[in-house]
N, C-alpha and C. Protein backbone atom coordinates (compact mmCIF):
# COMPACT_ATOMS: atom_id res chain seq x y z
N UNK A 1 83.74 106.14 101.03
CA UNK A 1 85.07 106.72 101.27
C UNK A 1 85.11 107.14 102.74
N UNK A 2 86.22 107.82 103.13
CA UNK A 2 86.49 108.01 104.49
C UNK A 2 85.68 109.23 105.00
N UNK A 3 85.26 109.13 106.28
CA UNK A 3 84.46 110.17 106.92
C UNK A 3 85.29 111.45 107.06
N UNK A 4 84.59 112.55 106.79
CA UNK A 4 85.24 113.85 106.75
C UNK A 4 85.80 114.24 108.10
N UNK A 5 85.11 113.81 109.22
CA UNK A 5 85.65 114.09 110.54
C UNK A 5 87.00 113.49 110.80
N UNK A 6 87.20 112.34 110.22
CA UNK A 6 88.53 111.66 110.35
C UNK A 6 89.58 112.38 109.54
N UNK A 7 89.26 112.73 108.29
CA UNK A 7 90.21 113.41 107.48
C UNK A 7 90.65 114.78 108.10
N UNK A 8 89.66 115.39 108.76
CA UNK A 8 89.94 116.70 109.36
C UNK A 8 90.95 116.66 110.48
N UNK A 9 91.25 115.48 110.97
CA UNK A 9 92.24 115.33 112.07
C UNK A 9 93.62 115.47 111.57
N UNK A 10 93.86 115.43 110.23
CA UNK A 10 95.25 115.44 109.68
C UNK A 10 95.54 116.78 109.11
N UNK A 11 96.82 117.14 109.12
CA UNK A 11 97.30 118.42 108.66
C UNK A 11 97.63 118.42 107.13
N UNK A 12 97.94 117.26 106.62
CA UNK A 12 98.26 117.13 105.20
C UNK A 12 97.79 115.81 104.63
N UNK A 13 97.45 115.84 103.35
CA UNK A 13 96.96 114.60 102.68
C UNK A 13 97.95 114.25 101.54
N UNK A 14 98.22 112.96 101.47
CA UNK A 14 99.13 112.47 100.40
C UNK A 14 98.40 111.35 99.63
N UNK A 15 98.48 111.43 98.28
CA UNK A 15 97.77 110.49 97.45
C UNK A 15 98.72 109.74 96.54
N UNK A 16 98.52 108.42 96.47
CA UNK A 16 99.11 107.62 95.37
C UNK A 16 98.38 108.01 94.10
N UNK A 17 98.96 107.77 92.92
CA UNK A 17 98.24 108.12 91.70
C UNK A 17 97.51 107.00 91.03
N UNK A 18 98.26 106.00 90.51
CA UNK A 18 97.70 104.90 89.75
C UNK A 18 96.85 104.03 90.61
N UNK A 19 95.57 103.96 90.31
CA UNK A 19 94.63 103.05 91.01
C UNK A 19 94.05 103.71 92.27
N UNK A 20 94.54 104.92 92.61
CA UNK A 20 93.99 105.64 93.81
C UNK A 20 93.24 106.85 93.36
N UNK A 21 93.93 107.80 92.67
CA UNK A 21 93.29 109.00 92.17
C UNK A 21 92.88 108.85 90.69
N UNK A 22 93.69 108.15 89.92
CA UNK A 22 93.45 107.95 88.50
C UNK A 22 93.33 106.48 88.20
N UNK A 23 92.27 106.08 87.42
CA UNK A 23 92.03 104.71 87.03
C UNK A 23 92.91 104.36 85.84
N UNK A 24 94.12 103.84 86.12
CA UNK A 24 94.99 103.53 85.05
C UNK A 24 95.38 102.02 85.04
N UNK A 25 95.09 101.33 86.10
CA UNK A 25 95.67 99.97 86.20
C UNK A 25 95.20 99.01 85.14
N UNK A 26 93.90 98.98 84.72
CA UNK A 26 93.49 98.10 83.65
C UNK A 26 94.21 98.39 82.32
N UNK A 27 94.46 99.65 82.07
CA UNK A 27 95.19 100.03 80.90
C UNK A 27 96.61 99.56 80.93
N UNK A 28 97.26 99.76 82.10
CA UNK A 28 98.67 99.28 82.24
C UNK A 28 98.70 97.75 82.04
N UNK A 29 97.70 97.02 82.60
CA UNK A 29 97.69 95.59 82.43
C UNK A 29 97.53 95.19 81.00
N UNK A 30 96.70 95.93 80.27
CA UNK A 30 96.51 95.68 78.77
C UNK A 30 97.81 95.93 78.05
N UNK A 31 98.52 97.00 78.43
CA UNK A 31 99.79 97.33 77.78
C UNK A 31 100.84 96.18 77.99
N UNK A 32 100.90 95.68 79.21
CA UNK A 32 101.82 94.57 79.48
C UNK A 32 101.48 93.38 78.58
N UNK A 33 100.21 93.10 78.51
CA UNK A 33 99.76 91.94 77.71
C UNK A 33 100.17 92.18 76.20
N UNK A 34 99.98 93.39 75.73
CA UNK A 34 100.39 93.64 74.35
C UNK A 34 101.90 93.55 74.14
N UNK A 35 102.68 93.93 75.18
CA UNK A 35 104.14 93.80 75.09
C UNK A 35 104.51 92.33 74.99
N UNK A 36 103.87 91.55 75.84
CA UNK A 36 104.11 90.03 75.79
C UNK A 36 103.79 89.47 74.46
N UNK A 37 102.70 89.86 73.90
CA UNK A 37 102.30 89.32 72.54
C UNK A 37 103.31 89.78 71.54
N UNK A 38 103.86 90.96 71.60
CA UNK A 38 104.84 91.46 70.67
C UNK A 38 106.06 90.59 70.71
N UNK A 39 106.57 90.23 71.90
CA UNK A 39 107.77 89.46 72.04
C UNK A 39 107.57 87.94 72.06
N UNK A 40 106.27 87.54 72.12
CA UNK A 40 105.99 86.13 72.13
C UNK A 40 106.15 85.43 73.48
N UNK A 41 105.98 86.21 74.55
CA UNK A 41 106.07 85.67 75.95
C UNK A 41 104.77 86.05 76.68
N UNK A 42 104.29 85.15 77.52
CA UNK A 42 103.05 85.48 78.26
C UNK A 42 103.30 86.37 79.53
N UNK A 43 103.38 87.67 79.37
CA UNK A 43 103.59 88.57 80.49
C UNK A 43 102.25 88.69 81.21
N UNK A 44 102.29 88.37 82.50
CA UNK A 44 101.11 88.33 83.34
C UNK A 44 100.84 89.67 84.08
N UNK A 45 99.77 90.31 83.66
CA UNK A 45 99.42 91.65 84.24
C UNK A 45 99.18 91.54 85.75
N UNK A 46 98.86 90.40 86.30
CA UNK A 46 98.60 90.23 87.74
C UNK A 46 99.82 90.63 88.56
N UNK A 47 100.99 90.42 87.97
CA UNK A 47 102.24 90.76 88.66
C UNK A 47 102.24 92.28 89.01
N UNK A 48 101.74 93.05 88.05
CA UNK A 48 101.67 94.49 88.27
C UNK A 48 100.83 94.86 89.50
N UNK A 49 99.77 94.15 89.72
CA UNK A 49 98.95 94.38 90.94
C UNK A 49 99.65 93.93 92.22
N UNK A 50 100.36 92.78 92.12
CA UNK A 50 101.14 92.30 93.25
C UNK A 50 102.18 93.29 93.67
N UNK A 51 102.78 93.95 92.68
CA UNK A 51 103.91 94.88 92.94
C UNK A 51 103.47 96.33 92.83
N UNK A 52 102.19 96.59 93.00
CA UNK A 52 101.62 97.92 92.81
C UNK A 52 102.44 98.98 93.62
N UNK A 53 102.82 100.06 92.96
CA UNK A 53 103.60 101.09 93.60
C UNK A 53 105.08 100.99 93.25
N UNK A 54 105.50 99.82 92.75
CA UNK A 54 106.88 99.61 92.36
C UNK A 54 107.11 100.32 90.96
N UNK A 55 108.34 100.70 90.70
CA UNK A 55 108.63 101.29 89.38
C UNK A 55 108.59 100.28 88.26
N UNK A 56 108.40 100.69 87.06
CA UNK A 56 108.21 99.80 85.92
C UNK A 56 109.31 98.79 85.76
N UNK A 57 110.55 99.16 86.04
CA UNK A 57 111.68 98.23 85.92
C UNK A 57 111.53 97.04 86.80
N UNK A 58 111.14 97.24 88.07
CA UNK A 58 110.95 96.15 89.00
C UNK A 58 109.84 95.20 88.55
N UNK A 59 108.76 95.82 88.08
CA UNK A 59 107.64 95.03 87.57
C UNK A 59 108.02 94.21 86.33
N UNK A 60 108.72 94.88 85.43
CA UNK A 60 109.12 94.17 84.17
C UNK A 60 110.04 93.01 84.44
N UNK A 61 111.03 93.19 85.33
CA UNK A 61 111.90 92.09 85.66
C UNK A 61 111.19 90.86 86.23
N UNK A 62 110.30 91.11 87.16
CA UNK A 62 109.52 90.03 87.77
C UNK A 62 108.58 89.32 86.73
N UNK A 63 107.91 90.10 85.87
CA UNK A 63 107.10 89.51 84.81
C UNK A 63 107.90 88.66 83.89
N UNK A 64 109.09 89.19 83.50
CA UNK A 64 109.93 88.45 82.54
C UNK A 64 110.45 87.19 83.17
N UNK A 65 110.79 87.22 84.47
CA UNK A 65 111.30 85.99 85.11
C UNK A 65 110.23 84.96 85.11
N UNK A 66 108.99 85.32 85.48
CA UNK A 66 107.89 84.35 85.51
C UNK A 66 107.54 83.79 84.13
N UNK A 67 107.74 84.62 83.09
CA UNK A 67 107.46 84.19 81.74
C UNK A 67 108.64 83.48 81.09
N UNK A 68 109.77 83.35 81.88
CA UNK A 68 111.02 82.75 81.38
C UNK A 68 111.48 83.48 80.14
N UNK A 69 111.37 84.80 80.20
CA UNK A 69 111.78 85.64 79.06
C UNK A 69 113.22 86.15 79.41
N UNK A 70 114.12 86.02 78.43
CA UNK A 70 115.50 86.49 78.68
C UNK A 70 115.57 87.96 79.09
N UNK A 71 116.35 88.22 80.14
CA UNK A 71 116.39 89.61 80.66
C UNK A 71 117.16 90.55 79.75
N UNK A 72 117.81 90.04 78.73
CA UNK A 72 118.52 90.97 77.80
C UNK A 72 117.51 91.75 76.98
N UNK A 73 116.21 91.40 77.06
CA UNK A 73 115.14 92.16 76.38
C UNK A 73 114.64 93.28 77.29
N UNK A 74 115.15 93.44 78.53
CA UNK A 74 114.51 94.28 79.49
C UNK A 74 114.33 95.73 78.99
N UNK A 75 115.36 96.37 78.43
CA UNK A 75 115.23 97.73 78.02
C UNK A 75 114.21 97.87 76.91
N UNK A 76 114.20 96.92 75.99
CA UNK A 76 113.19 96.95 74.93
C UNK A 76 111.81 96.81 75.45
N UNK A 77 111.63 95.92 76.45
CA UNK A 77 110.36 95.70 77.04
C UNK A 77 109.83 97.01 77.71
N UNK A 78 110.65 97.60 78.53
CA UNK A 78 110.30 98.85 79.20
C UNK A 78 109.94 99.92 78.23
N UNK A 79 110.74 100.06 77.15
CA UNK A 79 110.50 101.12 76.14
C UNK A 79 109.14 100.91 75.47
N UNK A 80 108.86 99.67 75.06
CA UNK A 80 107.66 99.39 74.39
C UNK A 80 106.43 99.53 75.29
N UNK A 81 106.57 99.08 76.60
CA UNK A 81 105.48 99.23 77.51
C UNK A 81 105.09 100.70 77.72
N UNK A 82 106.10 101.57 77.83
CA UNK A 82 105.85 102.99 78.05
C UNK A 82 105.16 103.61 76.80
N UNK A 83 105.67 103.16 75.62
CA UNK A 83 105.06 103.71 74.37
C UNK A 83 103.59 103.28 74.24
N UNK A 84 103.27 102.04 74.56
CA UNK A 84 101.91 101.56 74.41
C UNK A 84 101.01 102.26 75.45
N UNK A 85 101.45 102.35 76.73
CA UNK A 85 100.68 102.98 77.75
C UNK A 85 100.48 104.43 77.44
N UNK A 86 101.53 105.07 76.85
CA UNK A 86 101.42 106.48 76.53
C UNK A 86 100.32 106.73 75.47
N UNK A 87 100.18 105.76 74.56
CA UNK A 87 99.14 105.90 73.54
C UNK A 87 97.77 105.59 74.06
N UNK A 88 97.65 104.63 74.96
CA UNK A 88 96.34 104.20 75.45
C UNK A 88 95.75 105.06 76.56
N UNK A 89 96.59 105.48 77.47
CA UNK A 89 96.11 106.19 78.69
C UNK A 89 95.34 107.45 78.43
N UNK A 90 95.77 108.32 77.52
CA UNK A 90 94.96 109.55 77.30
C UNK A 90 93.50 109.27 76.97
N UNK A 91 93.26 108.15 76.29
CA UNK A 91 91.88 107.81 75.95
C UNK A 91 91.17 107.03 77.07
N UNK A 92 91.87 106.30 77.82
CA UNK A 92 91.24 105.35 78.76
C UNK A 92 91.27 105.78 80.26
N UNK A 93 92.25 106.62 80.65
CA UNK A 93 92.36 106.98 82.06
C UNK A 93 91.20 107.84 82.51
N UNK A 94 90.73 107.67 83.77
CA UNK A 94 89.62 108.49 84.32
C UNK A 94 89.86 108.60 85.80
N UNK A 95 89.14 109.55 86.38
CA UNK A 95 89.30 109.82 87.80
C UNK A 95 88.54 108.80 88.65
N UNK A 96 89.10 108.50 89.80
CA UNK A 96 88.48 107.63 90.78
C UNK A 96 87.92 108.43 91.92
N UNK A 97 87.12 107.81 92.83
CA UNK A 97 86.51 108.55 93.92
C UNK A 97 87.43 109.34 94.77
N UNK A 98 88.68 108.92 94.97
CA UNK A 98 89.65 109.66 95.79
C UNK A 98 89.92 111.02 95.19
N UNK A 99 89.71 111.15 93.87
CA UNK A 99 89.90 112.53 93.28
C UNK A 99 88.89 113.50 93.81
N UNK A 100 87.74 113.04 94.26
CA UNK A 100 86.75 114.01 94.92
C UNK A 100 87.27 114.54 96.20
N UNK A 101 88.11 113.71 96.95
CA UNK A 101 88.65 114.21 98.19
C UNK A 101 89.77 115.25 97.87
N UNK A 102 90.52 114.96 96.80
CA UNK A 102 91.57 115.94 96.37
C UNK A 102 90.88 117.28 96.12
N UNK A 103 89.77 117.26 95.40
CA UNK A 103 89.11 118.55 95.05
C UNK A 103 88.45 119.20 96.25
N UNK A 104 87.94 118.37 97.17
CA UNK A 104 87.24 118.89 98.28
C UNK A 104 88.21 119.60 99.27
N UNK A 105 89.46 119.03 99.37
CA UNK A 105 90.39 119.60 100.30
C UNK A 105 91.43 120.57 99.72
N UNK A 106 91.28 120.85 98.44
CA UNK A 106 92.13 121.79 97.81
C UNK A 106 91.99 123.21 98.49
N UNK A 107 93.12 123.76 98.84
CA UNK A 107 93.23 124.99 99.58
C UNK A 107 92.68 124.94 101.05
N UNK A 108 92.28 123.75 101.46
CA UNK A 108 91.88 123.54 102.89
C UNK A 108 93.08 122.88 103.62
N UNK A 109 93.74 122.02 102.91
CA UNK A 109 94.92 121.29 103.50
C UNK A 109 95.96 121.20 102.39
N UNK A 110 97.23 121.15 102.69
CA UNK A 110 98.26 120.92 101.68
C UNK A 110 98.15 119.45 101.14
N UNK A 111 98.20 119.35 99.84
CA UNK A 111 98.03 118.02 99.19
C UNK A 111 99.29 117.68 98.39
N UNK A 112 99.64 116.38 98.45
CA UNK A 112 100.77 115.94 97.64
C UNK A 112 100.40 114.65 96.91
N UNK A 113 101.05 114.45 95.80
CA UNK A 113 100.89 113.22 94.99
C UNK A 113 102.24 112.49 95.06
N UNK A 114 102.21 111.21 95.48
CA UNK A 114 103.42 110.40 95.53
C UNK A 114 103.29 109.13 94.78
N UNK A 115 103.97 109.03 93.65
CA UNK A 115 103.76 107.90 92.74
C UNK A 115 105.07 107.26 92.30
N UNK A 116 104.93 105.97 91.92
CA UNK A 116 106.02 105.23 91.45
C UNK A 116 106.20 105.35 89.90
N UNK A 117 105.26 106.09 89.31
CA UNK A 117 105.31 106.33 87.85
C UNK A 117 106.43 107.31 87.56
N UNK A 118 106.96 107.25 86.30
CA UNK A 118 107.98 108.21 85.98
C UNK A 118 107.41 109.56 85.62
N UNK A 119 108.27 110.58 85.56
CA UNK A 119 107.87 111.94 85.42
C UNK A 119 106.99 112.21 84.17
N UNK A 120 107.42 111.75 83.05
CA UNK A 120 106.71 112.11 81.80
C UNK A 120 105.25 111.56 81.84
N UNK A 121 105.11 110.31 82.30
CA UNK A 121 103.77 109.71 82.37
C UNK A 121 102.91 110.42 83.42
N UNK A 122 103.50 110.75 84.58
CA UNK A 122 102.78 111.46 85.58
C UNK A 122 102.30 112.82 85.12
N UNK A 123 103.25 113.61 84.47
CA UNK A 123 102.91 114.90 83.96
C UNK A 123 101.78 114.80 82.94
N UNK A 124 101.85 113.84 82.07
CA UNK A 124 100.81 113.71 81.07
C UNK A 124 99.47 113.45 81.66
N UNK A 125 99.42 112.57 82.65
CA UNK A 125 98.12 112.21 83.28
C UNK A 125 97.54 113.32 84.13
N UNK A 126 98.35 113.98 84.97
CA UNK A 126 97.82 115.04 85.79
C UNK A 126 97.36 116.21 85.01
N UNK A 127 98.07 116.49 83.87
CA UNK A 127 97.67 117.60 82.99
C UNK A 127 96.43 117.24 82.19
N UNK A 128 96.41 115.99 81.69
CA UNK A 128 95.24 115.53 80.88
C UNK A 128 93.92 115.62 81.72
N UNK A 129 94.04 115.27 82.99
CA UNK A 129 92.84 115.21 83.85
C UNK A 129 92.73 116.46 84.72
N UNK A 130 93.48 117.46 84.41
CA UNK A 130 93.42 118.74 85.08
C UNK A 130 93.53 118.67 86.59
N UNK A 131 94.57 117.94 87.06
CA UNK A 131 94.78 117.74 88.48
C UNK A 131 95.97 118.57 89.00
N UNK A 132 96.80 119.04 88.20
CA UNK A 132 98.09 119.63 88.64
C UNK A 132 97.89 120.74 89.69
N UNK A 133 96.97 121.65 89.47
CA UNK A 133 96.81 122.76 90.40
C UNK A 133 96.36 122.38 91.79
N UNK A 134 95.84 121.20 91.96
CA UNK A 134 95.36 120.77 93.27
C UNK A 134 96.53 120.40 94.23
N UNK A 135 97.68 120.00 93.62
CA UNK A 135 98.75 119.43 94.47
C UNK A 135 99.88 120.49 94.67
N UNK A 136 100.19 120.62 95.91
CA UNK A 136 101.27 121.52 96.31
C UNK A 136 102.67 120.89 95.92
N UNK A 137 102.68 119.53 95.91
CA UNK A 137 103.89 118.79 95.61
C UNK A 137 103.57 117.51 94.84
N UNK A 138 104.43 117.15 93.91
CA UNK A 138 104.30 115.90 93.16
C UNK A 138 105.64 115.20 93.22
N UNK A 139 105.69 114.02 93.75
CA UNK A 139 106.86 113.15 93.78
C UNK A 139 106.79 111.99 92.91
N UNK A 140 107.75 111.86 92.00
CA UNK A 140 107.67 110.76 90.98
C UNK A 140 108.87 109.81 91.20
N UNK A 141 108.93 108.74 90.37
CA UNK A 141 109.95 107.73 90.49
C UNK A 141 111.37 108.29 90.50
N UNK A 142 111.58 109.29 89.64
CA UNK A 142 112.95 109.84 89.48
C UNK A 142 113.38 110.67 90.69
N UNK A 143 112.45 111.00 91.58
CA UNK A 143 112.78 111.89 92.70
C UNK A 143 113.33 111.13 93.89
N UNK A 144 113.25 109.78 93.87
CA UNK A 144 113.70 109.01 95.01
C UNK A 144 114.67 107.93 94.66
N UNK A 145 115.46 107.48 95.63
CA UNK A 145 116.37 106.38 95.39
C UNK A 145 115.70 105.04 95.73
N UNK A 146 114.95 105.05 96.80
CA UNK A 146 114.25 103.81 97.26
C UNK A 146 112.79 103.97 97.00
N UNK A 147 112.20 103.00 96.29
CA UNK A 147 110.77 103.08 95.92
C UNK A 147 109.94 102.29 96.94
N UNK A 148 108.63 102.49 96.86
CA UNK A 148 107.70 101.71 97.68
C UNK A 148 108.01 100.24 97.56
N UNK A 149 108.03 99.49 98.67
CA UNK A 149 107.50 99.71 100.01
C UNK A 149 108.37 100.59 100.94
N UNK A 150 109.52 101.08 100.42
CA UNK A 150 110.27 102.01 101.26
C UNK A 150 109.48 103.32 101.40
N UNK A 151 109.53 104.02 102.54
CA UNK A 151 108.71 105.19 102.76
C UNK A 151 109.26 106.48 102.10
N UNK A 152 110.37 106.41 101.38
CA UNK A 152 111.03 107.65 100.91
C UNK A 152 110.08 108.52 100.07
N UNK A 153 109.26 107.94 99.25
CA UNK A 153 108.36 108.70 98.37
C UNK A 153 107.41 109.54 99.25
N UNK A 154 106.80 108.92 100.23
CA UNK A 154 105.85 109.65 101.11
C UNK A 154 106.52 110.60 102.08
N UNK A 155 107.72 110.22 102.54
CA UNK A 155 108.43 111.13 103.41
C UNK A 155 108.83 112.39 102.69
N UNK A 156 109.22 112.25 101.40
CA UNK A 156 109.54 113.46 100.62
C UNK A 156 108.29 114.29 100.34
N UNK A 157 107.14 113.62 100.12
CA UNK A 157 105.88 114.33 99.98
C UNK A 157 105.63 115.20 101.23
N UNK A 158 105.76 114.57 102.39
CA UNK A 158 105.49 115.28 103.63
C UNK A 158 106.44 116.49 103.81
N UNK A 159 107.68 116.27 103.48
CA UNK A 159 108.70 117.34 103.54
C UNK A 159 108.31 118.49 102.61
N UNK A 160 107.86 118.16 101.41
CA UNK A 160 107.55 119.24 100.43
C UNK A 160 106.30 120.02 100.80
N UNK A 161 105.40 119.39 101.51
CA UNK A 161 104.17 120.17 101.90
C UNK A 161 104.32 120.69 103.29
N UNK A 162 105.54 120.45 103.89
CA UNK A 162 105.86 121.04 105.20
C UNK A 162 104.97 120.54 106.29
N UNK A 163 104.66 119.24 106.34
CA UNK A 163 103.86 118.63 107.38
C UNK A 163 104.58 117.42 107.96
N UNK A 164 104.59 117.31 109.23
CA UNK A 164 105.27 116.14 109.84
C UNK A 164 104.61 114.84 109.41
N UNK A 165 105.38 113.82 109.15
CA UNK A 165 104.81 112.52 108.65
C UNK A 165 103.61 112.03 109.48
N UNK A 166 103.77 112.11 110.79
CA UNK A 166 102.75 111.57 111.67
C UNK A 166 101.40 112.40 111.59
N UNK A 167 101.50 113.57 110.97
CA UNK A 167 100.27 114.37 110.83
C UNK A 167 99.76 114.31 109.41
N UNK A 168 100.22 113.34 108.59
CA UNK A 168 99.79 113.13 107.24
C UNK A 168 98.88 111.91 107.18
N UNK A 169 97.93 111.97 106.26
CA UNK A 169 97.14 110.79 105.91
C UNK A 169 97.39 110.44 104.48
N UNK A 170 97.75 109.17 104.22
CA UNK A 170 98.06 108.70 102.88
C UNK A 170 96.86 107.90 102.33
N UNK A 171 96.55 108.10 101.07
CA UNK A 171 95.53 107.33 100.37
C UNK A 171 96.24 106.41 99.39
N UNK A 172 95.99 105.11 99.46
CA UNK A 172 96.71 104.10 98.67
C UNK A 172 95.76 102.99 98.19
N UNK A 173 96.25 102.27 97.18
CA UNK A 173 95.47 101.11 96.66
C UNK A 173 96.35 99.88 96.50
N UNK A 174 97.55 99.89 97.00
CA UNK A 174 98.47 98.79 96.82
C UNK A 174 99.19 98.42 98.14
N UNK A 175 99.48 97.15 98.23
CA UNK A 175 100.23 96.67 99.44
C UNK A 175 101.48 97.38 99.68
N UNK A 176 102.30 97.57 98.62
CA UNK A 176 103.60 98.25 98.74
C UNK A 176 103.37 99.67 99.27
N UNK A 177 102.36 100.35 98.77
CA UNK A 177 102.11 101.71 99.19
C UNK A 177 101.64 101.80 100.65
N UNK A 178 100.79 100.85 101.04
CA UNK A 178 100.33 100.81 102.42
C UNK A 178 101.54 100.57 103.35
N UNK A 179 102.43 99.62 102.95
CA UNK A 179 103.60 99.41 103.78
C UNK A 179 104.51 100.64 103.87
N UNK A 180 104.64 101.31 102.73
CA UNK A 180 105.49 102.53 102.71
C UNK A 180 104.96 103.62 103.63
N UNK A 181 103.69 103.81 103.60
CA UNK A 181 103.07 104.84 104.48
C UNK A 181 103.28 104.46 105.97
N UNK A 182 102.96 103.25 106.29
CA UNK A 182 103.03 102.81 107.71
C UNK A 182 104.47 102.83 108.24
N UNK A 183 105.40 102.42 107.38
CA UNK A 183 106.81 102.44 107.80
C UNK A 183 107.39 103.85 107.88
N UNK A 184 106.68 104.78 107.20
CA UNK A 184 107.09 106.22 107.34
C UNK A 184 106.39 106.93 108.51
N UNK A 185 105.65 106.16 109.27
CA UNK A 185 104.98 106.73 110.44
C UNK A 185 103.67 107.47 110.13
N UNK A 186 103.09 107.13 108.98
CA UNK A 186 101.86 107.80 108.55
C UNK A 186 100.70 106.84 108.56
N UNK A 187 99.53 107.35 108.95
CA UNK A 187 98.29 106.58 108.80
C UNK A 187 97.99 106.47 107.35
N UNK A 188 97.25 105.42 106.97
CA UNK A 188 96.99 105.20 105.53
C UNK A 188 95.61 104.63 105.34
N UNK A 189 94.90 105.18 104.34
CA UNK A 189 93.55 104.67 104.01
C UNK A 189 93.66 103.87 102.78
N UNK A 190 93.31 102.56 102.89
CA UNK A 190 93.34 101.64 101.73
C UNK A 190 92.02 101.76 100.98
N UNK A 191 92.04 102.36 99.78
CA UNK A 191 90.80 102.63 99.05
C UNK A 191 90.18 101.38 98.49
N UNK A 192 90.98 100.25 98.45
CA UNK A 192 90.44 98.99 97.95
C UNK A 192 89.37 98.45 98.88
N UNK A 193 89.62 98.60 100.21
CA UNK A 193 88.74 98.01 101.19
C UNK A 193 88.14 99.04 102.16
N UNK A 194 88.33 100.28 101.82
CA UNK A 194 87.79 101.39 102.65
C UNK A 194 88.16 101.24 104.09
N UNK A 195 89.43 101.03 104.36
CA UNK A 195 89.84 100.80 105.74
C UNK A 195 91.04 101.70 106.09
N UNK A 196 90.97 102.27 107.29
CA UNK A 196 92.08 103.12 107.78
C UNK A 196 93.01 102.30 108.63
N UNK A 197 94.32 102.40 108.35
CA UNK A 197 95.34 101.71 109.13
C UNK A 197 96.18 102.78 109.82
N UNK A 198 96.36 102.54 111.15
CA UNK A 198 97.16 103.50 111.94
C UNK A 198 98.60 103.06 112.05
N UNK A 199 99.48 104.05 111.90
CA UNK A 199 100.90 103.72 111.98
C UNK A 199 101.32 103.34 113.40
């Protein structure tokens, strides 16, 4: 993970949730596969990784298009995906190494969570894994108009923790999230490749 001397250069830290702080991505992929089986269409979980950070609706539409599944099923698909993930995640979700940074910098720097997940799912996960108290601010899908790769999620995080964007460091695991941070003027650490990108 990132050297502490580098982290100490920033006034605020912002974390993506799924795949960065909490290991949820394999479970989400499984849920999409189960939804596809239910409807009889091959929904490809890889799309979720390609569009990591995007809200569920965007991911669902792209998966359905690739599977040649009629879009009139969209609302049913989203509803079933959320229900399956809701059932699976409490048993399967676990903390990732970035969670150690969250805990280490609690009360040393203001911390925010910026996720494309909807509020109910985010609340369930952060409470289940006892993370809520660490974050001064949590920004979810319903809080923004434009989702990642737009910087709105992270800019709102910075605003809520009262730190200028250029003084924030974002931790991310998805291309959309990395783009969002950089376009918001923030440095970003990609946990997939342990690499820091400067805005």
